[in-house]
Amino acid sequence: MLNVTDATLHYGAAQALRGVSLEAEAGRITCVLGRNGVGKTSLMRAIVGHHRLSSGRIEFEGKVLDRSAAYDRARSGIAFVPQGREVFPLLTVRENLETGFAPLKWGERTIPDYVFDLFPVLKEMLARQGGDLSGGQQQQLAIARALTMRPKLLVLDEPTEGIQPSIIKDIGRAIRYLRDTAGIAILLVEQYLDFCRELADEVYIMDRGLVVHHGPAGDLDRPEVRRHLTV
Protein backbone atom coordinates (compact mmCIF):
# COMPACT_ATOMS: atom_id res chain seq x y z
CA MET A 1 0.00 0.00 0.00
CA LEU A 2 2.72 2.50 1.04
CA ASN A 3 6.21 2.34 -0.42
CA VAL A 4 8.97 4.77 0.53
CA THR A 5 12.13 4.39 -1.57
CA ASP A 6 15.53 6.00 -0.91
CA ALA A 7 13.99 8.98 0.92
CA THR A 8 16.39 11.84 1.61
CA LEU A 9 15.34 14.97 3.47
CA HIS A 10 17.24 18.15 4.36
CA TYR A 11 16.49 21.07 6.64
CA GLY A 12 18.81 23.62 5.10
CA ALA A 13 22.30 22.17 5.47
CA ALA A 14 21.19 19.54 7.98
CA GLN A 15 20.25 16.10 6.65
CA ALA A 16 17.41 14.34 8.51
CA LEU A 17 16.87 11.29 6.27
CA ARG A 18 19.57 9.38 4.39
CA GLY A 19 18.13 7.02 1.79
CA VAL A 20 15.31 5.55 3.90
CA SER A 21 13.16 2.80 2.37
CA LEU A 22 10.03 1.46 4.09
CA GLU A 23 6.79 -0.39 3.32
CA ALA A 24 3.44 -0.49 5.13
CA GLU A 25 0.76 -2.97 4.07
CA ALA A 26 -3.01 -3.10 4.57
CA GLY A 27 -4.05 -5.15 7.59
CA ARG A 28 -0.60 -4.94 9.19
CA ILE A 29 1.05 -2.80 11.86
CA THR A 30 4.46 -1.41 10.94
CA CYS A 31 6.41 0.16 13.81
CA VAL A 32 9.34 2.58 13.45
CA LEU A 33 11.66 2.70 16.46
CA GLY A 34 14.79 4.61 17.37
CA ARG A 35 16.33 6.99 19.82
CA ASN A 36 15.28 10.64 19.94
CA GLY A 37 16.42 12.76 17.00
CA VAL A 38 17.11 9.96 14.51
CA GLY A 39 14.57 11.11 11.90
CA LYS A 40 11.40 9.18 12.76
CA THR A 41 9.08 12.19 12.89
CA SER A 42 10.70 13.70 9.82
CA LEU A 43 9.91 10.49 7.94
CA MET A 44 6.27 10.52 9.07
CA ARG A 45 5.82 14.16 8.14
CA ALA A 46 7.34 13.52 4.73
CA ILE A 47 4.89 10.66 4.18
CA VAL A 48 1.84 12.77 5.04
CA GLY A 49 3.07 15.75 3.00
CA HIS A 50 4.23 18.20 5.66
CA HIS A 51 7.82 18.08 4.37
CA ARG A 52 9.01 17.59 0.80
CA LEU A 53 11.76 15.09 0.16
CA SER A 54 15.09 16.25 -1.23
CA SER A 55 15.19 13.03 -3.25
CA GLY A 56 13.58 9.60 -3.29
CA ARG A 57 10.00 8.49 -3.84
CA ILE A 58 6.79 7.97 -1.87
CA GLU A 59 4.06 5.84 -3.44
CA PHE A 60 0.60 5.09 -2.07
CA GLU A 61 -1.60 2.53 -3.78
CA GLY A 62 0.66 2.77 -6.83
CA LYS A 63 0.41 6.57 -7.10
CA VAL A 64 3.56 8.69 -6.73
CA LEU A 65 3.01 11.32 -4.03
CA ASP A 66 6.30 13.21 -4.18
CA ARG A 67 4.72 16.55 -5.14
CA SER A 68 1.23 16.01 -3.70
CA ALA A 69 0.05 18.47 -1.05
CA ALA A 70 -0.92 17.21 2.40
CA TYR A 71 -4.64 17.74 1.71
CA ASP A 72 -4.41 15.64 -1.45
CA ARG A 73 -2.80 12.84 0.52
CA ALA A 74 -5.59 13.10 3.08
CA ARG A 75 -8.16 12.78 0.29
CA SER A 76 -6.36 9.67 -0.97
CA GLY A 77 -6.81 8.01 2.43
CA ILE A 78 -3.77 8.94 4.55
CA ALA A 79 -4.57 10.16 8.08
CA PHE A 80 -2.03 11.50 10.57
CA VAL A 81 -2.07 11.61 14.37
CA PRO A 82 0.86 13.91 15.22
CA GLN A 83 3.08 13.83 18.26
CA GLY A 84 1.54 16.12 20.86
CA ARG A 85 -2.00 15.38 19.60
CA GLU A 86 -2.76 18.93 18.36
CA VAL A 87 -6.46 18.91 19.18
CA PHE A 88 -8.28 22.25 18.93
CA PRO A 89 -8.61 23.34 22.58
CA LEU A 90 -11.52 25.77 22.08
CA LEU A 91 -13.59 23.46 19.88
CA THR A 92 -15.86 20.85 21.41
CA VAL A 93 -15.10 17.16 21.09
CA ARG A 94 -17.80 16.90 18.42
CA GLU A 95 -16.35 19.85 16.50
CA ASN A 96 -12.85 18.37 16.73
CA LEU A 97 -14.16 15.12 15.29
CA GLU A 98 -15.95 16.97 12.50
CA THR A 99 -12.71 18.58 11.35
CA GLY A 100 -11.95 15.11 10.01
CA PHE A 101 -14.75 15.61 7.47
CA ALA A 102 -12.61 17.97 5.37
CA PRO A 103 -11.35 15.40 2.79
CA LEU A 104 -14.72 13.60 2.56
CA LYS A 105 -17.62 14.00 0.17
CA TRP A 106 -20.77 15.52 1.65
CA GLY A 107 -22.59 12.20 1.82
CA GLU A 108 -19.78 10.62 3.85
CA ARG A 109 -19.61 13.33 6.52
CA THR A 110 -20.70 11.32 9.54
CA ILE A 111 -18.76 10.03 12.53
CA PRO A 112 -18.40 6.22 12.16
CA ASP A 113 -20.14 4.29 14.94
CA TYR A 114 -17.02 2.24 15.67
CA VAL A 115 -15.21 5.40 16.80
CA PHE A 116 -17.41 5.50 19.91
CA ASP A 117 -17.14 1.73 20.31
CA LEU A 118 -13.36 2.12 20.48
CA PHE A 119 -13.40 5.26 22.63
CA PRO A 120 -16.72 5.38 24.53
CA VAL A 121 -15.53 8.19 26.80
CA LEU A 122 -15.69 10.57 23.81
CA LYS A 123 -19.41 9.98 23.36
CA GLU A 124 -19.95 11.19 26.92
CA MET A 125 -17.88 14.33 26.29
CA LEU A 126 -19.14 15.53 22.90
CA ALA A 127 -20.09 18.97 24.26
CA ARG A 128 -16.85 19.53 26.22
CA GLN A 129 -14.00 21.61 24.85
CA GLY A 130 -10.95 19.72 23.65
CA GLY A 131 -8.70 21.70 25.98
CA ASP A 132 -10.64 20.44 29.02
CA LEU A 133 -9.81 16.79 28.35
CA SER A 134 -6.93 14.96 30.02
CA GLY A 135 -3.87 14.10 27.98
CA GLY A 136 -5.04 10.54 27.47
CA GLN A 137 -8.51 11.65 26.43
CA GLN A 138 -6.99 14.14 23.98
CA GLN A 139 -4.94 11.31 22.46
CA GLN A 140 -8.10 9.26 22.03
CA LEU A 141 -9.76 12.28 20.42
CA ALA A 142 -6.83 12.79 18.04
CA ILE A 143 -7.02 9.16 16.90
CA ALA A 144 -10.81 9.32 16.61
CA ARG A 145 -10.56 12.51 14.52
CA ALA A 146 -8.20 10.70 12.13
CA LEU A 147 -10.61 7.74 11.91
CA THR A 148 -13.45 10.08 10.99
CA MET A 149 -11.59 10.55 7.69
CA ARG A 150 -12.11 6.83 6.83
CA PRO A 151 -8.36 6.30 6.28
CA LYS A 152 -6.72 3.48 4.41
CA LEU A 153 -3.39 4.32 6.08
CA LEU A 154 -3.19 5.61 9.65
CA VAL A 155 0.11 7.24 10.67
CA LEU A 156 0.61 7.66 14.43
CA ASP A 157 3.58 9.52 15.92
CA GLU A 158 4.25 8.31 19.50
CA PRO A 159 0.63 7.79 20.60
CA THR A 160 1.65 6.58 24.09
CA GLU A 161 3.75 9.64 24.98
CA GLY A 162 2.71 10.99 28.37
CA ILE A 163 -0.33 8.70 28.58
CA GLN A 164 -1.45 6.71 31.63
CA PRO A 165 -1.20 2.90 31.37
CA SER A 166 -4.96 2.25 31.29
CA ILE A 167 -5.42 4.46 28.22
CA ILE A 168 -2.33 2.95 26.58
CA LYS A 169 -4.14 -0.40 26.78
CA ASP A 170 -7.27 1.16 25.23
CA ILE A 171 -5.20 2.61 22.38
CA GLY A 172 -3.52 -0.76 21.83
CA ARG A 173 -6.89 -2.50 21.59
CA ALA A 174 -8.10 0.14 19.12
CA ILE A 175 -5.02 -0.30 16.91
CA ARG A 176 -5.49 -4.08 16.87
CA TYR A 177 -9.15 -3.64 15.90
CA LEU A 178 -8.23 -1.33 13.04
CA ARG A 179 -5.74 -3.88 11.73
CA ASP A 180 -7.79 -7.03 12.24
CA THR A 181 -11.33 -5.80 11.54
CA ALA A 182 -11.08 -2.64 9.46
CA GLY A 183 -8.02 -3.79 7.47
CA ILE A 184 -6.31 -0.42 7.78
CA ALA A 185 -2.54 -0.13 7.28
CA ILE A 186 -1.01 1.19 10.51
CA LEU A 187 2.33 3.02 10.54
CA LEU A 188 3.41 3.66 14.10
CA VAL A 189 6.35 5.61 15.56
CA GLU A 190 6.96 4.59 19.14
CA GLN A 191 9.45 4.85 22.00
CA TYR A 192 7.60 2.38 24.25
CA LEU A 193 9.29 -0.87 23.28
CA ASP A 194 6.82 -3.25 24.96
CA PHE A 195 3.87 -1.54 23.25
CA CYS A 196 5.53 -1.99 19.88
CA ARG A 197 6.54 -5.60 20.58
CA GLU A 198 2.94 -6.52 21.49
CA LEU A 199 1.35 -4.85 18.46
CA ALA A 200 3.73 -4.76 15.52
CA ASP A 201 3.94 -7.16 12.61
CA GLU A 202 7.05 -5.48 11.16
CA VAL A 203 9.61 -3.20 12.77
CA TYR A 204 12.07 -0.70 11.35
CA ILE A 205 14.80 0.76 13.53
CA MET A 206 16.37 4.09 12.61
CA ASP A 207 19.64 5.70 13.64
CA ARG A 208 21.07 8.99 12.36
CA GLY A 209 18.59 9.20 9.50
CA LEU A 210 19.16 5.62 8.32
CA VAL A 211 17.22 2.37 8.64
CA VAL A 212 19.65 0.11 10.50
CA HIS A 213 17.30 -2.86 10.97
CA HIS A 214 14.11 -4.23 9.41
CA GLY A 215 12.36 -7.45 10.36
CA PRO A 216 9.52 -9.08 12.32
CA ALA A 217 8.61 -7.78 15.77
CA GLY A 218 10.16 -10.87 17.35
CA ASP A 219 13.58 -9.47 16.40
CA LEU A 220 13.23 -6.96 19.25
CA ASP A 221 14.16 -9.73 21.69
CA ARG A 222 17.56 -10.18 20.04
CA PRO A 223 20.46 -8.39 21.82
CA GLU A 224 22.09 -7.32 18.55
CA VAL A 225 18.83 -5.56 17.59
CA ARG A 226 18.07 -4.03 21.00
CA ARG A 227 21.48 -2.36 21.07
CA HIS A 228 20.22 0.10 18.46
CA LEU A 229 17.62 1.31 20.98
CA THR A 230 19.70 1.65 24.13
CA VAL A 231 21.07 5.04 25.16
C-alpha atoms as a PDB file:
ATOM      1  CA  MET A   1       0.000   0.000   0.000  1.00  0.00           C
ATOM      2  CA  LEU A   2       2.716   2.503   1.042  1.00  0.00           C
ATOM      3  CA  ASN A   3       6.211   2.343  -0.417  1.00  0.00           C
ATOM      4  CA  VAL A   4       8.970   4.775   0.530  1.00  0.00           C
ATOM      5  CA  THR A   5      12.130   4.393  -1.569  1.00  0.00           C
ATOM      6  CA  ASP A   6      15.532   6.004  -0.912  1.00  0.00           C
ATOM      7  CA  ALA A   7      13.991   8.979   0.915  1.00  0.00           C
ATOM      8  CA  THR A   8      16.390  11.837   1.609  1.00  0.00           C
ATOM      9  CA  LEU A   9      15.337  14.971   3.467  1.00  0.00           C
ATOM     10  CA  HIS A  10      17.238  18.145   4.359  1.00  0.00           C
ATOM     11  CA  TYR A  11      16.485  21.074   6.642  1.00  0.00           C
ATOM     12  CA  GLY A  12      18.812  23.617   5.096  1.00  0.00           C
ATOM     13  CA  ALA A  13      22.303  22.170   5.466  1.00  0.00           C
ATOM     14  CA  ALA A  14      21.188  19.536   7.984  1.00  0.00           C
ATOM     15  CA  GLN A  15      20.247  16.097   6.646  1.00  0.00           C
ATOM     16  CA  ALA A  16      17.414  14.338   8.505  1.00  0.00           C
ATOM     17  CA  LEU A  17      16.867  11.291   6.267  1.00  0.00           C
ATOM     18  CA  ARG A  18      19.571   9.375   4.389  1.00  0.00           C
ATOM     19  CA  GLY A  19      18.128   7.017   1.787  1.00  0.00           C
ATOM     20  CA  VAL A  20      15.309   5.554   3.896  1.00  0.00           C
ATOM     21  CA  SER A  21      13.158   2.798   2.375  1.00  0.00           C
ATOM     22  CA  LEU A  22      10.031   1.461   4.093  1.00  0.00           C
ATOM     23  CA  GLU A  23       6.795  -0.386   3.320  1.00  0.00           C
ATOM     24  CA  ALA A  24       3.437  -0.492   5.134  1.00  0.00           C
ATOM     25  CA  GLU A  25       0.759  -2.971   4.068  1.00  0.00           C
ATOM     26  CA  ALA A  26      -3.005  -3.098   4.573  1.00  0.00           C
ATOM     27  CA  GLY A  27      -4.047  -5.147   7.588  1.00  0.00           C
ATOM     28  CA  ARG A  28      -0.598  -4.942   9.188  1.00  0.00           C
ATOM     29  CA  ILE A  29       1.046  -2.800  11.856  1.00  0.00           C
ATOM     30  CA  THR A  30       4.464  -1.414  10.939  1.00  0.00           C
ATOM     31  CA  CYS A  31       6.413   0.156  13.807  1.00  0.00           C
ATOM     32  CA  VAL A  32       9.339   2.582  13.453  1.00  0.00           C
ATOM     33  CA  LEU A  33      11.655   2.702  16.458  1.00  0.00           C
ATOM     34  CA  GLY A  34      14.790   4.607  17.365  1.00  0.00           C
ATOM     35  CA  ARG A  35      16.334   6.995  19.817  1.00  0.00           C
ATOM     36  CA  ASN A  36      15.279  10.640  19.936  1.00  0.00           C
ATOM     37  CA  GLY A  37      16.418  12.762  17.003  1.00  0.00           C
ATOM     38  CA  VAL A  38      17.110   9.959  14.508  1.00  0.00           C
ATOM     39  CA  GLY A  39      14.572  11.113  11.898  1.00  0.00           C
ATOM     40  CA  LYS A  40      11.402   9.181  12.763  1.00  0.00           C
ATOM     41  CA  THR A  41       9.082  12.191  12.895  1.00  0.00           C
ATOM     42  CA  SER A  42      10.704  13.701   9.815  1.00  0.00           C
ATOM     43  CA  LEU A  43       9.907  10.490   7.938  1.00  0.00           C
ATOM     44  CA  MET A  44       6.267  10.519   9.067  1.00  0.00           C
ATOM     45  CA  ARG A  45       5.822  14.163   8.139  1.00  0.00           C
ATOM     46  CA  ALA A  46       7.339  13.521   4.732  1.00  0.00           C
ATOM     47  CA  ILE A  47       4.887  10.655   4.179  1.00  0.00           C
ATOM     48  CA  VAL A  48       1.835  12.774   5.039  1.00  0.00           C
ATOM     49  CA  GLY A  49       3.065  15.752   3.002  1.00  0.00           C
ATOM     50  CA  HIS A  50       4.230  18.201   5.663  1.00  0.00           C
ATOM     51  CA  HIS A  51       7.823  18.081   4.374  1.00  0.00           C
ATOM     52  CA  ARG A  52       9.007  17.594   0.802  1.00  0.00           C
ATOM     53  CA  LEU A  53      11.761  15.091   0.156  1.00  0.00           C
ATOM     54  CA  SER A  54      15.087  16.248  -1.228  1.00  0.00           C
ATOM     55  CA  SER A  55      15.193  13.027  -3.250  1.00  0.00           C
ATOM     56  CA  GLY A  56      13.584   9.602  -3.288  1.00  0.00           C
ATOM     57  CA  ARG A  57       9.998   8.486  -3.839  1.00  0.00           C
ATOM     58  CA  ILE A  58       6.795   7.972  -1.868  1.00  0.00           C
ATOM     59  CA  GLU A  59       4.061   5.840  -3.444  1.00  0.00           C
ATOM     60  CA  PHE A  60       0.604   5.092  -2.068  1.00  0.00           C
ATOM     61  CA  GLU A  61      -1.596   2.528  -3.781  1.00  0.00           C
ATOM     62  CA  GLY A  62       0.662   2.773  -6.834  1.00  0.00           C
ATOM     63  CA  LYS A  63       0.409   6.570  -7.096  1.00  0.00           C
ATOM     64  CA  VAL A  64       3.558   8.690  -6.732  1.00  0.00           C
ATOM     65  CA  LEU A  65       3.005  11.324  -4.026  1.00  0.00           C
ATOM     66  CA  ASP A  66       6.299  13.213  -4.181  1.00  0.00           C
ATOM     67  CA  ARG A  67       4.717  16.548  -5.143  1.00  0.00           C
ATOM     68  CA  SER A  68       1.230  16.012  -3.702  1.00  0.00           C
ATOM     69  CA  ALA A  69       0.054  18.471  -1.045  1.00  0.00           C
ATOM     70  CA  ALA A  70      -0.920  17.214   2.400  1.00  0.00           C
ATOM     71  CA  TYR A  71      -4.636  17.738   1.709  1.00  0.00           C
ATOM     72  CA  ASP A  72      -4.415  15.641  -1.455  1.00  0.00           C
ATOM     73  CA  ARG A  73      -2.799  12.838   0.523  1.00  0.00           C
ATOM     74  CA  ALA A  74      -5.595  13.103   3.080  1.00  0.00           C
ATOM     75  CA  ARG A  75      -8.158  12.780   0.287  1.00  0.00           C
ATOM     76  CA  SER A  76      -6.359   9.672  -0.967  1.00  0.00           C
ATOM     77  CA  GLY A  77      -6.814   8.009   2.434  1.00  0.00           C
ATOM     78  CA  ILE A  78      -3.772   8.945   4.554  1.00  0.00           C
ATOM     79  CA  ALA A  79      -4.575  10.165   8.081  1.00  0.00           C
ATOM     80  CA  PHE A  80      -2.025  11.502  10.569  1.00  0.00           C
ATOM     81  CA  VAL A  81      -2.068  11.613  14.373  1.00  0.00           C
ATOM     82  CA  PRO A  82       0.861  13.911  15.217  1.00  0.00           C
ATOM     83  CA  GLN A  83       3.081  13.831  18.257  1.00  0.00           C
ATOM     84  CA  GLY A  84       1.539  16.124  20.855  1.00  0.00           C
ATOM     85  CA  ARG A  85      -2.002  15.376  19.597  1.00  0.00           C
ATOM     86  CA  GLU A  86      -2.755  18.926  18.358  1.00  0.00           C
ATOM     87  CA  VAL A  87      -6.462  18.907  19.177  1.00  0.00           C
ATOM     88  CA  PHE A  88      -8.277  22.247  18.929  1.00  0.00           C
ATOM     89  CA  PRO A  89      -8.611  23.337  22.576  1.00  0.00           C
ATOM     90  CA  LEU A  90     -11.515  25.769  22.082  1.00  0.00           C
ATOM     91  CA  LEU A  91     -13.591  23.458  19.878  1.00  0.00           C
ATOM     92  CA  THR A  92     -15.865  20.850  21.410  1.00  0.00           C
ATOM     93  CA  VAL A  93     -15.102  17.164  21.094  1.00  0.00           C
ATOM     94  CA  ARG A  94     -17.803  16.904  18.425  1.00  0.00           C
ATOM     95  CA  GLU A  95     -16.351  19.854  16.498  1.00  0.00           C
ATOM     96  CA  ASN A  96     -12.847  18.366  16.732  1.00  0.00           C
ATOM     97  CA  LEU A  97     -14.159  15.118  15.286  1.00  0.00           C
ATOM     98  CA  GLU A  98     -15.955  16.965  12.505  1.00  0.00           C
ATOM     99  CA  THR A  99     -12.709  18.583  11.346  1.00  0.00           C
ATOM    100  CA  GLY A 100     -11.948  15.107  10.006  1.00  0.00           C
ATOM    101  CA  PHE A 101     -14.751  15.606   7.468  1.00  0.00           C
ATOM    102  CA  ALA A 102     -12.613  17.970   5.370  1.00  0.00           C
ATOM    103  CA  PRO A 103     -11.346  15.405   2.794  1.00  0.00           C
ATOM    104  CA  LEU A 104     -14.717  13.600   2.563  1.00  0.00           C
ATOM    105  CA  LYS A 105     -17.621  13.997   0.173  1.00  0.00           C
ATOM    106  CA  TRP A 106     -20.769  15.521   1.654  1.00  0.00           C
ATOM    107  CA  GLY A 107     -22.590  12.198   1.821  1.00  0.00           C
ATOM    108  CA  GLU A 108     -19.776  10.624   3.848  1.00  0.00           C
ATOM    109  CA  ARG A 109     -19.611  13.328   6.516  1.00  0.00           C
ATOM    110  CA  THR A 110     -20.700  11.320   9.542  1.00  0.00           C
ATOM    111  CA  ILE A 111     -18.758  10.031  12.532  1.00  0.00           C
ATOM    112  CA  PRO A 112     -18.395   6.221  12.165  1.00  0.00           C
ATOM    113  CA  ASP A 113     -20.137   4.287  14.940  1.00  0.00           C
ATOM    114  CA  TYR A 114     -17.023   2.241  15.666  1.00  0.00           C
ATOM    115  CA  VAL A 115     -15.214   5.404  16.799  1.00  0.00           C
ATOM    116  CA  PHE A 116     -17.409   5.498  19.906  1.00  0.00           C
ATOM    117  CA  ASP A 117     -17.142   1.725  20.314  1.00  0.00           C
ATOM    118  CA  LEU A 118     -13.364   2.117  20.485  1.00  0.00           C
ATOM    119  CA  PHE A 119     -13.395   5.263  22.629  1.00  0.00           C
ATOM    120  CA  PRO A 120     -16.725   5.378  24.527  1.00  0.00           C
ATOM    121  CA  VAL A 121     -15.530   8.194  26.800  1.00  0.00           C
ATOM    122  CA  LEU A 122     -15.687  10.569  23.815  1.00  0.00           C
ATOM    123  CA  LYS A 123     -19.409   9.984  23.355  1.00  0.00           C
ATOM    124  CA  GLU A 124     -19.951  11.190  26.917  1.00  0.00           C
ATOM    125  CA  MET A 125     -17.881  14.334  26.290  1.00  0.00           C
ATOM    126  CA  LEU A 126     -19.138  15.534  22.897  1.00  0.00           C
ATOM    127  CA  ALA A 127     -20.091  18.966  24.263  1.00  0.00           C
ATOM    128  CA  ARG A 128     -16.854  19.525  26.225  1.00  0.00           C
ATOM    129  CA  GLN A 129     -14.005  21.612  24.848  1.00  0.00           C
ATOM    130  CA  GLY A 130     -10.953  19.722  23.654  1.00  0.00           C
ATOM    131  CA  GLY A 131      -8.701  21.695  25.981  1.00  0.00           C
ATOM    132  CA  ASP A 132     -10.639  20.442  29.017  1.00  0.00           C
ATOM    133  CA  LEU A 133      -9.806  16.792  28.350  1.00  0.00           C
ATOM    134  CA  SER A 134      -6.933  14.958  30.017  1.00  0.00           C
ATOM    135  CA  GLY A 135      -3.865  14.104  27.981  1.00  0.00           C
ATOM    136  CA  GLY A 136      -5.038  10.542  27.471  1.00  0.00           C
ATOM    137  CA  GLN A 137      -8.511  11.648  26.426  1.00  0.00           C
ATOM    138  CA  GLN A 138      -6.995  14.137  23.984  1.00  0.00           C
ATOM    139  CA  GLN A 139      -4.942  11.309  22.460  1.00  0.00           C
ATOM    140  CA  GLN A 140      -8.100   9.255  22.026  1.00  0.00           C
ATOM    141  CA  LEU A 141      -9.758  12.284  20.424  1.00  0.00           C
ATOM    142  CA  ALA A 142      -6.826  12.794  18.043  1.00  0.00           C
ATOM    143  CA  ILE A 143      -7.018   9.161  16.897  1.00  0.00           C
ATOM    144  CA  ALA A 144     -10.809   9.321  16.607  1.00  0.00           C
ATOM    145  CA  ARG A 145     -10.556  12.508  14.525  1.00  0.00           C
ATOM    146  CA  ALA A 146      -8.205  10.703  12.129  1.00  0.00           C
ATOM    147  CA  LEU A 147     -10.605   7.744  11.908  1.00  0.00           C
ATOM    148  CA  THR A 148     -13.449  10.085  10.985  1.00  0.00           C
ATOM    149  CA  MET A 149     -11.585  10.550   7.685  1.00  0.00           C
ATOM    150  CA  ARG A 150     -12.105   6.831   6.829  1.00  0.00           C
ATOM    151  CA  PRO A 151      -8.363   6.304   6.284  1.00  0.00           C
ATOM    152  CA  LYS A 152      -6.721   3.484   4.414  1.00  0.00           C
ATOM    153  CA  LEU A 153      -3.388   4.321   6.079  1.00  0.00           C
ATOM    154  CA  LEU A 154      -3.192   5.615   9.651  1.00  0.00           C
ATOM    155  CA  VAL A 155       0.106   7.237  10.670  1.00  0.00           C
ATOM    156  CA  LEU A 156       0.614   7.664  14.429  1.00  0.00           C
ATOM    157  CA  ASP A 157       3.582   9.516  15.921  1.00  0.00           C
ATOM    158  CA  GLU A 158       4.247   8.312  19.503  1.00  0.00           C
ATOM    159  CA  PRO A 159       0.626   7.793  20.597  1.00  0.00           C
ATOM    160  CA  THR A 160       1.650   6.583  24.091  1.00  0.00           C
ATOM    161  CA  GLU A 161       3.754   9.640  24.976  1.00  0.00           C
ATOM    162  CA  GLY A 162       2.711  10.994  28.374  1.00  0.00           C
ATOM    163  CA  ILE A 163      -0.333   8.701  28.575  1.00  0.00           C
ATOM    164  CA  GLN A 164      -1.452   6.706  31.627  1.00  0.00           C
ATOM    165  CA  PRO A 165      -1.203   2.900  31.374  1.00  0.00           C
ATOM    166  CA  SER A 166      -4.964   2.248  31.294  1.00  0.00           C
ATOM    167  CA  ILE A 167      -5.424   4.461  28.217  1.00  0.00           C
ATOM    168  CA  ILE A 168      -2.330   2.952  26.576  1.00  0.00           C
ATOM    169  CA  LYS A 169      -4.143  -0.399  26.780  1.00  0.00           C
ATOM    170  CA  ASP A 170      -7.270   1.160  25.227  1.00  0.00           C
ATOM    171  CA  ILE A 171      -5.198   2.609  22.382  1.00  0.00           C
ATOM    172  CA  GLY A 172      -3.516  -0.763  21.835  1.00  0.00           C
ATOM    173  CA  ARG A 173      -6.890  -2.497  21.590  1.00  0.00           C
ATOM    174  CA  ALA A 174      -8.097   0.141  19.125  1.00  0.00           C
ATOM    175  CA  ILE A 175      -5.023  -0.302  16.907  1.00  0.00           C
ATOM    176  CA  ARG A 176      -5.493  -4.076  16.871  1.00  0.00           C
ATOM    177  CA  TYR A 177      -9.148  -3.637  15.904  1.00  0.00           C
ATOM    178  CA  LEU A 178      -8.228  -1.326  13.036  1.00  0.00           C
ATOM    179  CA  ARG A 179      -5.738  -3.882  11.727  1.00  0.00           C
ATOM    180  CA  ASP A 180      -7.790  -7.027  12.244  1.00  0.00           C
ATOM    181  CA  THR A 181     -11.332  -5.802  11.536  1.00  0.00           C
ATOM    182  CA  ALA A 182     -11.078  -2.644   9.459  1.00  0.00           C
ATOM    183  CA  GLY A 183      -8.024  -3.794   7.471  1.00  0.00           C
ATOM    184  CA  ILE A 184      -6.307  -0.422   7.784  1.00  0.00           C
ATOM    185  CA  ALA A 185      -2.544  -0.135   7.276  1.00  0.00           C
ATOM    186  CA  ILE A 186      -1.015   1.190  10.511  1.00  0.00           C
ATOM    187  CA  LEU A 187       2.329   3.019  10.541  1.00  0.00           C
ATOM    188  CA  LEU A 188       3.414   3.656  14.098  1.00  0.00           C
ATOM    189  CA  VAL A 189       6.349   5.613  15.560  1.00  0.00           C
ATOM    190  CA  GLU A 190       6.956   4.585  19.136  1.00  0.00           C
ATOM    191  CA  GLN A 191       9.445   4.849  21.996  1.00  0.00           C
ATOM    192  CA  TYR A 192       7.597   2.379  24.251  1.00  0.00           C
ATOM    193  CA  LEU A 193       9.293  -0.874  23.282  1.00  0.00           C
ATOM    194  CA  ASP A 194       6.823  -3.248  24.956  1.00  0.00           C
ATOM    195  CA  PHE A 195       3.873  -1.537  23.245  1.00  0.00           C
ATOM    196  CA  CYS A 196       5.531  -1.992  19.878  1.00  0.00           C
ATOM    197  CA  ARG A 197       6.539  -5.599  20.579  1.00  0.00           C
ATOM    198  CA  GLU A 198       2.945  -6.519  21.491  1.00  0.00           C
ATOM    199  CA  LEU A 199       1.354  -4.849  18.461  1.00  0.00           C
ATOM    200  CA  ALA A 200       3.731  -4.762  15.521  1.00  0.00           C
ATOM    201  CA  ASP A 201       3.940  -7.159  12.608  1.00  0.00           C
ATOM    202  CA  GLU A 202       7.047  -5.484  11.165  1.00  0.00           C
ATOM    203  CA  VAL A 203       9.615  -3.197  12.774  1.00  0.00           C
ATOM    204  CA  TYR A 204      12.074  -0.703  11.354  1.00  0.00           C
ATOM    205  CA  ILE A 205      14.805   0.759  13.535  1.00  0.00           C
ATOM    206  CA  MET A 206      16.371   4.089  12.610  1.00  0.00           C
ATOM    207  CA  ASP A 207      19.641   5.696  13.638  1.00  0.00           C
ATOM    208  CA  ARG A 208      21.066   8.994  12.359  1.00  0.00           C
ATOM    209  CA  GLY A 209      18.587   9.200   9.496  1.00  0.00           C
ATOM    210  CA  LEU A 210      19.158   5.618   8.321  1.00  0.00           C
ATOM    211  CA  VAL A 211      17.216   2.369   8.638  1.00  0.00           C
ATOM    212  CA  VAL A 212      19.650   0.111  10.497  1.00  0.00           C
ATOM    213  CA  HIS A 213      17.305  -2.859  10.967  1.00  0.00           C
ATOM    214  CA  HIS A 214      14.114  -4.232   9.412  1.00  0.00           C
ATOM    215  CA  GLY A 215      12.361  -7.447  10.361  1.00  0.00           C
ATOM    216  CA  PRO A 216       9.523  -9.077  12.324  1.00  0.00           C
ATOM    217  CA  ALA A 217       8.611  -7.777  15.774  1.00  0.00           C
ATOM    218  CA  GLY A 218      10.164 -10.873  17.349  1.00  0.00           C
ATOM    219  CA  ASP A 219      13.578  -9.475  16.400  1.00  0.00           C
ATOM    220  CA  LEU A 220      13.228  -6.959  19.248  1.00  0.00           C
ATOM    221  CA  ASP A 221      14.158  -9.726  21.687  1.00  0.00           C
ATOM    222  CA  ARG A 222      17.558 -10.179  20.038  1.00  0.00           C
ATOM    223  CA  PRO A 223      20.455  -8.388  21.823  1.00  0.00           C
ATOM    224  CA  GLU A 224      22.086  -7.316  18.547  1.00  0.00           C
ATOM    225  CA  VAL A 225      18.834  -5.556  17.594  1.00  0.00           C
ATOM    226  CA  ARG A 226      18.073  -4.034  20.997  1.00  0.00           C
ATOM    227  CA  ARG A 227      21.485  -2.358  21.068  1.00  0.00           C
ATOM    228  CA  HIS A 228      20.224   0.099  18.456  1.00  0.00           C
ATOM    229  CA  LEU A 229      17.616   1.305  20.982  1.00  0.00           C
ATOM    230  CA  THR A 230      19.704   1.653  24.125  1.00  0.00           C
ATOM    231  CA  VAL A 231      21.073   5.043  25.155  1.00  0.00           C
END
